Amino acid sequence: MSTKDKKKGKFKKKLTAKYRLVVLNEDTFEERFSLKLSRLNVFVLSGVLSILIIAGTIVLIAFTPIKEYIPGYSSSKLKSNAVKATLEVDSLKTRLAFLENYTRALKPVLTGEIEAESIDSVLTKAKRRLIEKSELYATKEDSLFREKIESETRFSLQKNARSNVKIVFFAPLNGIISQNFDATSKHFAVDITAEIGAPIKAAADGTVIFSGWTIETGYVIIIKHAKEYISTYKHNGNLLREQGDFVKSGEVIATLGSTGELTTGPHLHFELWNGGYAVNPTNFIDFK
């Protein structure tokens, strides 16, 4: 037998050699527990226990909340809280900008640069206006003539053109049109730019059917008018009316802002719909 075979036989004998593990009572030397082991059994048992421990750890991490403590992992709840916090921060920034503008406008009065009008001067001006107004009261004949003219031209949208529309729209915001209505590019609206915080008014009488937040267009308010007309106001800074409120033409419903992921700066995205179809607001409203 070669030396190599002898070494191989000795190694195999060492692995399969039996050993007895005995637990004795220290005082009486009574045998309490005994176990026959070999090196091979110890290796196999250690390997099985290692596999079980690894598998148990993987299951524990994958199916329990412990996985949230692993660096780099983010749960759905954490993502939801992050989105909510981002929206709240954006709202706070808008409100802070509004307060800064208000404080900046009020500062000259507080510092004395502009003298505030006294109550007496205000009352004097009010009395003068009442007197001037009373002097301008029209006669009965003038009132009848005025009512006749208004009844003939009240609902005309364009000069020398007939129209079956019985509703008049007014500009929701005084500003500059930055982008016109373009059906080919699917821009079914008119974008109007102005200073942030400027008041946005209802284009006509109607009922608010939506007032809330959307991810893409920020604070949005939608008003339903007569004759199946619907007006939509997007990217607002703050909403001043809630769903279900009835608003009058020219009533302030929101403030100008720059909210939503699709915004390109402070502007109003104004849409006008009729019977489910988008119409060009400049055909009904003079924005100048």
C-alpha atoms as a PDB file:
ATOM      1  CA  MET A   1       0.000   0.000   0.000  1.00  0.00           C
ATOM      2  CA  SER A   2       1.360   3.390  -0.988  1.00  0.00           C
ATOM      3  CA  THR A   3       1.911   6.305   1.384  1.00  0.00           C
ATOM      4  CA  LYS A   4      -0.875   8.272  -0.302  1.00  0.00           C
ATOM      5  CA  ASP A   5      -3.378   5.463   0.279  1.00  0.00           C
ATOM      6  CA  LYS A   6      -2.275   5.189   3.886  1.00  0.00           C
ATOM      7  CA  LYS A   7      -2.834   8.914   4.486  1.00  0.00           C
ATOM      8  CA  LYS A   8      -6.250   8.696   2.796  1.00  0.00           C
ATOM      9  CA  GLY A   9      -7.213   5.743   4.980  1.00  0.00           C
ATOM     10  CA  LYS A  10      -6.102   7.534   8.133  1.00  0.00           C
ATOM     11  CA  PHE A  11      -8.120  10.643   7.188  1.00  0.00           C
ATOM     12  CA  LYS A  12     -11.224   8.549   6.555  1.00  0.00           C
ATOM     13  CA  LYS A  13     -10.716   6.731   9.809  1.00  0.00           C
ATOM     14  CA  LYS A  14     -10.448  10.046  11.684  1.00  0.00           C
ATOM     15  CA  LEU A  15     -13.736  11.253  10.137  1.00  0.00           C
ATOM     16  CA  THR A  16     -15.652   8.067  10.950  1.00  0.00           C
ATOM     17  CA  ALA A  17     -14.072   7.361  14.332  1.00  0.00           C
ATOM     18  CA  LYS A  18     -16.711   7.263  17.063  1.00  0.00           C
ATOM     19  CA  TYR A  19     -16.505   9.383  20.197  1.00  0.00           C
ATOM     20  CA  ARG A  20     -18.742   9.393  23.224  1.00  0.00           C
ATOM     21  CA  LEU A  21     -19.906  12.633  24.763  1.00  0.00           C
ATOM     22  CA  VAL A  22     -20.846  11.973  28.402  1.00  0.00           C
ATOM     23  CA  VAL A  23     -22.452  14.387  30.875  1.00  0.00           C
ATOM     24  CA  LEU A  24     -21.807  13.407  34.547  1.00  0.00           C
ATOM     25  CA  ASN A  25     -23.111  14.642  37.858  1.00  0.00           C
ATOM     26  CA  GLU A  26     -20.167  16.446  39.415  1.00  0.00           C
ATOM     27  CA  ASP A  27     -20.964  15.272  42.953  1.00  0.00           C
ATOM     28  CA  THR A  28     -21.991  11.613  42.391  1.00  0.00           C
ATOM     29  CA  PHE A  29     -20.307  11.049  39.000  1.00  0.00           C
ATOM     30  CA  GLU A  30     -23.603   9.570  37.858  1.00  0.00           C
ATOM     31  CA  GLU A  31     -23.996   9.493  34.094  1.00  0.00           C
ATOM     32  CA  ARG A  32     -26.806  11.856  33.111  1.00  0.00           C
ATOM     33  CA  PHE A  33     -26.486  12.001  29.361  1.00  0.00           C
ATOM     34  CA  SER A  34     -24.312  10.412  26.655  1.00  0.00           C
ATOM     35  CA  LEU A  35     -24.075  10.806  22.903  1.00  0.00           C
ATOM     36  CA  LYS A  36     -22.022   9.022  20.256  1.00  0.00           C
ATOM     37  CA  LEU A  37     -20.465  11.369  17.727  1.00  0.00           C
ATOM     38  CA  SER A  38     -17.948  11.391  14.927  1.00  0.00           C
ATOM     39  CA  ARG A  39     -16.182  14.215  13.161  1.00  0.00           C
ATOM     40  CA  LEU A  40     -18.279  13.543  10.031  1.00  0.00           C
ATOM     41  CA  ASN A  41     -21.542  13.797  12.014  1.00  0.00           C
ATOM     42  CA  VAL A  42     -20.399  17.072  13.580  1.00  0.00           C
ATOM     43  CA  PHE A  43     -19.587  18.554  10.133  1.00  0.00           C
ATOM     44  CA  VAL A  44     -22.925  17.454   8.667  1.00  0.00           C
ATOM     45  CA  LEU A  45     -24.915  18.702  11.672  1.00  0.00           C
ATOM     46  CA  SER A  46     -23.093  22.066  11.608  1.00  0.00           C
ATOM     47  CA  GLY A  47     -23.808  22.464   7.884  1.00  0.00           C
ATOM     48  CA  VAL A  48     -27.521  21.674   8.311  1.00  0.00           C
ATOM     49  CA  LEU A  49     -27.837  24.109  11.222  1.00  0.00           C
ATOM     50  CA  SER A  50     -26.063  26.838   9.211  1.00  0.00           C
ATOM     51  CA  ILE A  51     -28.449  26.357   6.275  1.00  0.00           C
ATOM     52  CA  LEU A  52     -31.486  26.482   8.590  1.00  0.00           C
ATOM     53  CA  ILE A  53     -30.215  29.655  10.276  1.00  0.00           C
ATOM     54  CA  ILE A  54     -29.592  31.373   6.908  1.00  0.00           C
ATOM     55  CA  ALA A  55     -33.009  30.341   5.558  1.00  0.00           C
ATOM     56  CA  GLY A  56     -34.743  31.478   8.749  1.00  0.00           C
ATOM     57  CA  THR A  57     -32.970  34.856   8.593  1.00  0.00           C
ATOM     58  CA  ILE A  58     -34.034  35.390   4.969  1.00  0.00           C
ATOM     59  CA  VAL A  59     -37.670  34.534   5.768  1.00  0.00           C
ATOM     60  CA  LEU A  60     -37.611  36.767   8.839  1.00  0.00           C
ATOM     61  CA  ILE A  61     -36.325  39.748   6.830  1.00  0.00           C
ATOM     62  CA  ALA A  62     -38.575  39.199   3.783  1.00  0.00           C
ATOM     63  CA  PHE A  63     -41.907  38.747   5.580  1.00  0.00           C
ATOM     64  CA  THR A  64     -41.608  40.920   8.695  1.00  0.00           C
ATOM     65  CA  PRO A  65     -41.286  44.697   9.317  1.00  0.00           C
ATOM     66  CA  ILE A  66     -37.594  44.186  10.145  1.00  0.00           C
ATOM     67  CA  LYS A  67     -36.806  44.737   6.444  1.00  0.00           C
ATOM     68  CA  GLU A  68     -37.666  48.440   6.867  1.00  0.00           C
ATOM     69  CA  TYR A  69     -34.526  48.859   9.005  1.00  0.00           C
ATOM     70  CA  ILE A  70     -32.254  47.655   6.171  1.00  0.00           C
ATOM     71  CA  PRO A  71     -30.296  50.618   4.675  1.00  0.00           C
ATOM     72  CA  GLY A  72     -31.563  51.513   1.195  1.00  0.00           C
ATOM     73  CA  TYR A  73     -34.999  49.900   1.583  1.00  0.00           C
ATOM     74  CA  SER A  74     -38.085  52.158   1.571  1.00  0.00           C
ATOM     75  CA  SER A  75     -41.576  50.912   2.341  1.00  0.00           C
ATOM     76  CA  SER A  76     -44.754  52.022   0.556  1.00  0.00           C
ATOM     77  CA  LYS A  77     -45.896  53.816   3.703  1.00  0.00           C
ATOM     78  CA  LEU A  78     -42.618  55.740   3.823  1.00  0.00           C
ATOM     79  CA  LYS A  79     -43.009  56.741   0.168  1.00  0.00           C
ATOM     80  CA  SER A  80     -46.608  57.860   0.817  1.00  0.00           C
ATOM     81  CA  ASN A  81     -45.499  59.955   3.783  1.00  0.00           C
ATOM     82  CA  ALA A  82     -42.712  61.489   1.681  1.00  0.00           C
ATOM     83  CA  VAL A  83     -45.166  62.476  -1.083  1.00  0.00           C
ATOM     84  CA  LYS A  84     -47.578  63.928   1.485  1.00  0.00           C
ATOM     85  CA  ALA A  85     -44.764  65.889   3.123  1.00  0.00           C
ATOM     86  CA  THR A  86     -43.677  67.233  -0.278  1.00  0.00           C
ATOM     87  CA  LEU A  87     -47.202  68.443  -1.039  1.00  0.00           C
ATOM     88  CA  GLU A  88     -47.486  70.101   2.373  1.00  0.00           C
ATOM     89  CA  VAL A  89     -44.121  71.831   1.884  1.00  0.00           C
ATOM     90  CA  ASP A  90     -45.262  73.103  -1.517  1.00  0.00           C
ATOM     91  CA  SER A  91     -48.483  74.437   0.033  1.00  0.00           C
ATOM     92  CA  LEU A  92     -46.520  76.114   2.824  1.00  0.00           C
ATOM     93  CA  LYS A  93     -44.190  77.743   0.283  1.00  0.00           C
ATOM     94  CA  THR A  94     -47.200  79.151  -1.573  1.00  0.00           C
ATOM     95  CA  ARG A  95     -48.742  80.494   1.623  1.00  0.00           C
ATOM     96  CA  LEU A  96     -45.387  81.946   2.704  1.00  0.00           C
ATOM     97  CA  ALA A  97     -45.047  83.749  -0.629  1.00  0.00           C
ATOM     98  CA  PHE A  98     -48.576  85.133  -0.233  1.00  0.00           C
ATOM     99  CA  LEU A  99     -47.768  86.381   3.297  1.00  0.00           C
ATOM    100  CA  GLU A 100     -44.493  87.916   2.109  1.00  0.00           C
ATOM    101  CA  ASN A 101     -46.307  89.835  -0.630  1.00  0.00           C
ATOM    102  CA  TYR A 102     -48.949  90.964   1.859  1.00  0.00           C
ATOM    103  CA  THR A 103     -46.303  92.095   4.359  1.00  0.00           C
ATOM    104  CA  ARG A 104     -44.323  93.872   1.637  1.00  0.00           C
ATOM    105  CA  ALA A 105     -47.443  95.785   0.598  1.00  0.00           C
ATOM    106  CA  LEU A 106     -48.297  96.643   4.209  1.00  0.00           C
ATOM    107  CA  LYS A 107     -44.756  97.659   5.218  1.00  0.00           C
ATOM    108  CA  PRO A 108     -44.909 101.254   3.853  1.00  0.00           C
ATOM    109  CA  VAL A 109     -47.985 101.936   5.996  1.00  0.00           C
ATOM    110  CA  LEU A 110     -46.445 100.413   9.128  1.00  0.00           C
ATOM    111  CA  THR A 111     -43.141 102.275   8.723  1.00  0.00           C
ATOM    112  CA  GLY A 112     -44.886 105.583   8.041  1.00  0.00           C
ATOM    113  CA  GLU A 113     -43.739 105.942   4.430  1.00  0.00           C
ATOM    114  CA  ILE A 114     -47.389 106.161   3.404  1.00  0.00           C
ATOM    115  CA  GLU A 115     -49.838 107.840   5.722  1.00  0.00           C
ATOM    116  CA  ALA A 116     -52.951 105.812   6.435  1.00  0.00           C
ATOM    117  CA  GLU A 117     -56.196 107.610   5.760  1.00  0.00           C
ATOM    118  CA  SER A 118     -58.124 108.611   8.855  1.00  0.00           C
ATOM    119  CA  ILE A 119     -61.661 107.457   9.482  1.00  0.00           C
ATOM    120  CA  ASP A 120     -62.961 111.014   8.986  1.00  0.00           C
ATOM    121  CA  SER A 121     -61.397 111.287   5.524  1.00  0.00           C
ATOM    122  CA  VAL A 122     -62.802 107.900   4.541  1.00  0.00           C
ATOM    123  CA  LEU A 123     -66.292 108.890   5.723  1.00  0.00           C
ATOM    124  CA  THR A 124     -66.016 112.199   3.877  1.00  0.00           C
ATOM    125  CA  LYS A 125     -65.119 110.417   0.626  1.00  0.00           C
ATOM    126  CA  ALA A 126     -67.953 107.933   1.138  1.00  0.00           C
ATOM    127  CA  LYS A 127     -70.463 110.764   1.644  1.00  0.00           C
ATOM    128  CA  ARG A 128     -69.150 112.505  -1.475  1.00  0.00           C
ATOM    129  CA  ARG A 129     -69.615 109.328  -3.501  1.00  0.00           C
ATOM    130  CA  LEU A 130     -73.169 108.922  -2.220  1.00  0.00           C
ATOM    131  CA  ILE A 131     -73.944 112.494  -3.232  1.00  0.00           C
ATOM    132  CA  GLU A 132     -72.427 111.993  -6.679  1.00  0.00           C
ATOM    133  CA  LYS A 133     -74.330 108.733  -7.078  1.00  0.00           C
ATOM    134  CA  SER A 134     -77.609 110.335  -6.088  1.00  0.00           C
ATOM    135  CA  GLU A 135     -77.061 113.011  -8.724  1.00  0.00           C
ATOM    136  CA  LEU A 136     -76.650 110.350 -11.402  1.00  0.00           C
ATOM    137  CA  TYR A 137     -79.997 108.617 -10.876  1.00  0.00           C
ATOM    138  CA  ALA A 138     -81.585 108.013 -14.277  1.00  0.00           C
ATOM    139  CA  THR A 139     -85.137 109.015 -15.137  1.00  0.00           C
ATOM    140  CA  LYS A 140     -87.847 106.472 -15.820  1.00  0.00           C
ATOM    141  CA  GLU A 141     -87.603 107.012 -19.595  1.00  0.00           C
ATOM    142  CA  ASP A 142     -83.816 106.499 -19.516  1.00  0.00           C
ATOM    143  CA  SER A 143     -84.204 103.276 -17.546  1.00  0.00           C
ATOM    144  CA  LEU A 144     -86.772 101.845 -19.985  1.00  0.00           C
ATOM    145  CA  PHE A 145     -84.583 102.747 -22.961  1.00  0.00           C
ATOM    146  CA  ARG A 146     -81.522 101.184 -21.324  1.00  0.00           C
ATOM    147  CA  GLU A 147     -83.421  97.969 -20.537  1.00  0.00           C
ATOM    148  CA  LYS A 148     -84.563  97.743 -24.157  1.00  0.00           C
ATOM    149  CA  ILE A 149     -81.020  98.107 -25.518  1.00  0.00           C
ATOM    150  CA  GLU A 150     -79.561  95.592 -23.021  1.00  0.00           C
ATOM    151  CA  SER A 151     -82.233  93.010 -23.818  1.00  0.00           C
ATOM    152  CA  GLU A 152     -81.269  93.191 -27.504  1.00  0.00           C
ATOM    153  CA  THR A 153     -77.495  92.917 -27.037  1.00  0.00           C
ATOM    154  CA  ARG A 154     -77.113  91.141 -23.690  1.00  0.00           C
ATOM    155  CA  PHE A 155     -76.282  87.722 -25.095  1.00  0.00           C
ATOM    156  CA  SER A 156     -74.441  88.636 -28.305  1.00  0.00           C
ATOM    157  CA  LEU A 157     -70.877  87.311 -28.283  1.00  0.00           C
ATOM    158  CA  GLN A 158     -69.626  88.942 -31.461  1.00  0.00           C
ATOM    159  CA  LYS A 159     -70.699  92.007 -33.372  1.00  0.00           C
ATOM    160  CA  ASN A 160     -72.873  91.425 -36.431  1.00  0.00           C
ATOM    161  CA  ALA A 161     -73.123  87.671 -35.669  1.00  0.00           C
ATOM    162  CA  ARG A 162     -76.004  85.560 -34.440  1.00  0.00           C
ATOM    163  CA  SER A 163     -75.565  83.228 -31.497  1.00  0.00           C
ATOM    164  CA  ASN A 164     -77.861  80.837 -29.651  1.00  0.00           C
ATOM    165  CA  VAL A 165     -75.723  80.931 -26.505  1.00  0.00           C
ATOM    166  CA  LYS A 166     -77.550  82.492 -23.556  1.00  0.00           C
ATOM    167  CA  ILE A 167     -74.541  82.897 -21.284  1.00  0.00           C
ATOM    168  CA  VAL A 168     -71.852  85.575 -21.055  1.00  0.00           C
ATOM    169  CA  PHE A 169     -68.314  84.748 -19.903  1.00  0.00           C
ATOM    170  CA  PHE A 170     -65.831  87.156 -18.349  1.00  0.00           C
ATOM    171  CA  ALA A 171     -62.032  86.952 -18.111  1.00  0.00           C
ATOM    172  CA  PRO A 172     -61.061  84.934 -15.002  1.00  0.00           C
ATOM    173  CA  LEU A 173     -57.695  86.714 -14.706  1.00  0.00           C
ATOM    174  CA  ASN A 174     -56.195  89.967 -15.914  1.00  0.00           C
ATOM    175  CA  GLY A 175     -52.848  89.103 -17.445  1.00  0.00           C
ATOM    176  CA  ILE A 176     -50.903  88.180 -20.563  1.00  0.00           C
ATOM    177  CA  ILE A 177     -51.703  85.101 -22.660  1.00  0.00           C
ATOM    178  CA  SER A 178     -48.511  83.013 -22.732  1.00  0.00           C
ATOM    179  CA  GLN A 179     -49.955  80.125 -24.771  1.00  0.00           C
ATOM    180  CA  ASN A 180     -53.093  80.061 -26.906  1.00  0.00           C
ATOM    181  CA  PHE A 181     -55.613  77.304 -27.550  1.00  0.00           C
ATOM    182  CA  ASP A 182     -54.132  74.733 -29.963  1.00  0.00           C
ATOM    183  CA  ALA A 183     -56.108  71.574 -30.739  1.00  0.00           C
ATOM    184  CA  THR A 184     -53.344  70.113 -32.933  1.00  0.00           C
ATOM    185  CA  SER A 185     -50.938  69.937 -29.958  1.00  0.00           C
ATOM    186  CA  LYS A 186     -53.792  68.926 -27.608  1.00  0.00           C
ATOM    187  CA  HIS A 187     -53.458  72.142 -25.619  1.00  0.00           C
ATOM    188  CA  PHE A 188     -57.185  72.662 -25.037  1.00  0.00           C
ATOM    189  CA  ALA A 189     -56.743  75.762 -22.922  1.00  0.00           C
ATOM    190  CA  VAL A 190     -55.446  79.295 -22.663  1.00  0.00           C
ATOM    191  CA  ASP A 191     -52.479  79.977 -20.341  1.00  0.00           C
ATOM    192  CA  ILE A 192     -52.525  83.389 -18.652  1.00  0.00           C
ATOM    193  CA  THR A 193     -49.544  84.762 -16.709  1.00  0.00           C
ATOM    194  CA  ALA A 194     -49.729  87.315 -13.902  1.00  0.00           C
ATOM    195  CA  GLU A 195     -48.203  88.013 -10.505  1.00  0.00           C
ATOM    196  CA  ILE A 196     -48.381  85.145  -8.025  1.00  0.00           C
ATOM    197  CA  GLY A 197     -51.238  85.570  -5.592  1.00  0.00           C
ATOM    198  CA  ALA A 198     -53.411  87.474  -8.095  1.00  0.00           C
ATOM    199  CA  PRO A 199     -57.153  86.755  -7.671  1.00  0.00           C
ATOM    200  CA  ILE A 200     -58.776  84.257 -10.047  1.00  0.00           C
ATOM    201  CA  LYS A 201     -62.479  84.853 -10.658  1.00  0.00           C
ATOM    202  CA  ALA A 202     -65.360  82.697 -11.842  1.00  0.00           C
ATOM    203  CA  ALA A 203     -65.975  83.177 -15.561  1.00  0.00           C
ATOM    204  CA  ALA A 204     -69.748  82.922 -15.055  1.00  0.00           C
ATOM    205  CA  ASP A 205     -72.397  81.833 -12.558  1.00  0.00           C
ATOM    206  CA  GLY A 206     -72.256  78.160 -11.697  1.00  0.00           C
ATOM    207  CA  THR A 207     -71.695  75.362  -9.191  1.00  0.00           C
ATOM    208  CA  VAL A 208     -68.292  74.048  -8.110  1.00  0.00           C
ATOM    209  CA  ILE A 209     -68.167  70.345  -9.049  1.00  0.00           C
ATOM    210  CA  PHE A 210     -64.520  69.773  -8.106  1.00  0.00           C
ATOM    211  CA  SER A 211     -62.101  71.549  -5.788  1.00  0.00           C
ATOM    212  CA  GLY A 212     -58.936  69.698  -4.808  1.00  0.00           C
ATOM    213  CA  TRP A 213     -55.353  68.635  -5.534  1.00  0.00           C
ATOM    214  CA  THR A 214     -53.948  66.651  -8.452  1.00  0.00           C
ATOM    215  CA  ILE A 215     -50.337  65.555  -8.895  1.00  0.00           C
ATOM    216  CA  GLU A 216     -49.885  66.936 -12.428  1.00  0.00           C
ATOM    217  CA  THR A 217     -51.911  70.176 -12.310  1.00  0.00           C
ATOM    218  CA  GLY A 218     -51.781  71.054  -8.583  1.00  0.00           C
ATOM    219  CA  TYR A 219     -54.784  72.820  -7.061  1.00  0.00           C
ATOM    220  CA  VAL A 220     -57.704  72.583  -9.499  1.00  0.00           C
ATOM    221  CA  ILE A 221     -61.242  73.970  -9.393  1.00  0.00           C
ATOM    222  CA  ILE A 222     -63.990  73.085 -11.912  1.00  0.00           C
ATOM    223  CA  ILE A 223     -67.280  74.978 -12.271  1.00  0.00           C
ATOM    224  CA  LYS A 224     -70.405  73.815 -14.089  1.00  0.00           C
ATOM    225  CA  HIS A 225     -72.399  76.576 -15.810  1.00  0.00           C
ATOM    226  CA  ALA A 226     -75.679  76.776 -17.661  1.00  0.00           C
ATOM    227  CA  LYS A 227     -76.112  75.342 -21.182  1.00  0.00           C
ATOM    228  CA  GLU A 228     -73.715  72.426 -20.429  1.00  0.00           C
ATOM    229  CA  TYR A 229     -70.685  74.716 -20.158  1.00  0.00           C
ATOM    230  CA  ILE A 230     -67.820  73.744 -17.814  1.00  0.00           C
ATOM    231  CA  SER A 231     -64.822  75.923 -16.939  1.00  0.00           C
ATOM    232  CA  THR A 232     -61.601  74.524 -15.470  1.00  0.00           C
ATOM    233  CA  TYR A 233     -58.908  76.459 -13.553  1.00  0.00           C
ATOM    234  CA  LYS A 234     -55.554  74.686 -12.967  1.00  0.00           C
ATOM    235  CA  HIS A 235     -52.176  75.340 -11.221  1.00  0.00           C
ATOM    236  CA  ASN A 236     -53.795  77.583  -8.567  1.00  0.00           C
ATOM    237  CA  GLY A 237     -51.945  78.684  -5.457  1.00  0.00           C
ATOM    238  CA  ASN A 238     -54.904  78.414  -3.066  1.00  0.00           C
ATOM    239  CA  LEU A 239     -58.530  77.345  -3.467  1.00  0.00           C
ATOM    240  CA  LEU A 240     -61.133  79.619  -1.887  1.00  0.00           C
ATOM    241  CA  ARG A 241     -64.272  77.624  -2.755  1.00  0.00           C
ATOM    242  CA  GLU A 242     -65.257  74.023  -2.033  1.00  0.00           C
ATOM    243  CA  GLN A 243     -67.161  71.402  -3.994  1.00  0.00           C
ATOM    244  CA  GLY A 244     -70.882  72.118  -3.991  1.00  0.00           C
ATOM    245  CA  ASP A 245     -70.540  75.901  -3.558  1.00  0.00           C
ATOM    246  CA  PHE A 246     -72.526  78.173  -5.854  1.00  0.00           C
ATOM    247  CA  VAL A 247     -70.450  81.045  -7.229  1.00  0.00           C
ATOM    248  CA  LYS A 248     -71.424  84.230  -9.030  1.00  0.00           C
ATOM    249  CA  SER A 249     -69.754  85.638 -12.116  1.00  0.00           C
ATOM    250  CA  GLY A 250     -66.623  87.585 -11.124  1.00  0.00           C
ATOM    251  CA  GLU A 251     -66.457  86.033  -7.646  1.00  0.00           C
ATOM    252  CA  VAL A 252     -62.915  85.214  -6.463  1.00  0.00           C
ATOM    253  CA  ILE A 253     -62.500  81.432  -6.317  1.00  0.00           C
ATOM    254  CA  ALA A 254     -58.704  80.981  -6.076  1.00  0.00           C
ATOM    255  CA  THR A 255     -55.325  82.704  -6.182  1.00  0.00           C
ATOM    256  CA  LEU A 256     -52.691  82.456  -8.896  1.00  0.00           C
ATOM    257  CA  GLY A 257     -49.907  79.974  -8.195  1.00  0.00           C
ATOM    258  CA  SER A 258     -47.560  77.473  -9.764  1.00  0.00           C
ATOM    259  CA  THR A 259     -48.584  74.087  -8.364  1.00  0.00           C
ATOM    260  CA  GLY A 260     -48.378  70.641  -9.938  1.00  0.00           C
ATOM    261  CA  GLU A 261     -45.679  68.712 -11.782  1.00  0.00           C
ATOM    262  CA  LEU A 262     -46.621  70.131 -15.225  1.00  0.00           C
ATOM    263  CA  THR A 263     -46.397  73.797 -14.265  1.00  0.00           C
ATOM    264  CA  THR A 264     -43.863  76.052 -15.990  1.00  0.00           C
ATOM    265  CA  GLY A 265     -44.234  79.018 -13.653  1.00  0.00           C
ATOM    266  CA  PRO A 266     -46.974  81.163 -12.132  1.00  0.00           C
ATOM    267  CA  HIS A 267     -49.896  81.035 -14.583  1.00  0.00           C
ATOM    268  CA  LEU A 268     -53.550  80.038 -14.950  1.00  0.00           C
ATOM    269  CA  HIS A 269     -54.421  77.111 -17.218  1.00  0.00           C
ATOM    270  CA  PHE A 270     -58.019  77.970 -18.212  1.00  0.00           C
ATOM    271  CA  GLU A 271     -60.197  75.469 -20.106  1.00  0.00           C
ATOM    272  CA  LEU A 272     -63.755  75.863 -21.423  1.00  0.00           C
ATOM    273  CA  TRP A 273     -65.876  72.834 -22.380  1.00  0.00           C
ATOM    274  CA  ASN A 274     -69.345  72.496 -23.856  1.00  0.00           C
ATOM    275  CA  GLY A 275     -71.216  69.224 -24.270  1.00  0.00           C
ATOM    276  CA  GLY A 276     -68.039  67.235 -23.675  1.00  0.00           C
ATOM    277  CA  TYR A 277     -65.986  69.131 -26.298  1.00  0.00           C
ATOM    278  CA  ALA A 278     -63.226  71.657 -25.686  1.00  0.00           C
ATOM    279  CA  VAL A 279     -63.868  75.131 -27.121  1.00  0.00           C
ATOM    280  CA  ASN A 280     -61.463  78.019 -27.622  1.00  0.00           C
ATOM    281  CA  PRO A 281     -62.000  80.420 -24.691  1.00  0.00           C
ATOM    282  CA  THR A 282     -60.857  83.403 -26.811  1.00  0.00           C
ATOM    283  CA  ASN A 283     -63.997  82.966 -28.947  1.00  0.00           C
ATOM    284  CA  PHE A 284     -66.117  83.812 -25.896  1.00  0.00           C
ATOM    285  CA  ILE A 285     -63.857  85.958 -23.683  1.00  0.00           C
ATOM    286  CA  ASP A 286     -61.828  89.077 -24.290  1.00  0.00           C
ATOM    287  CA  PHE A 287     -58.675  88.602 -22.188  1.00  0.00           C
ATOM    288  CA  LYS A 288     -57.247  92.039 -22.974  1.00  0.00           C
END
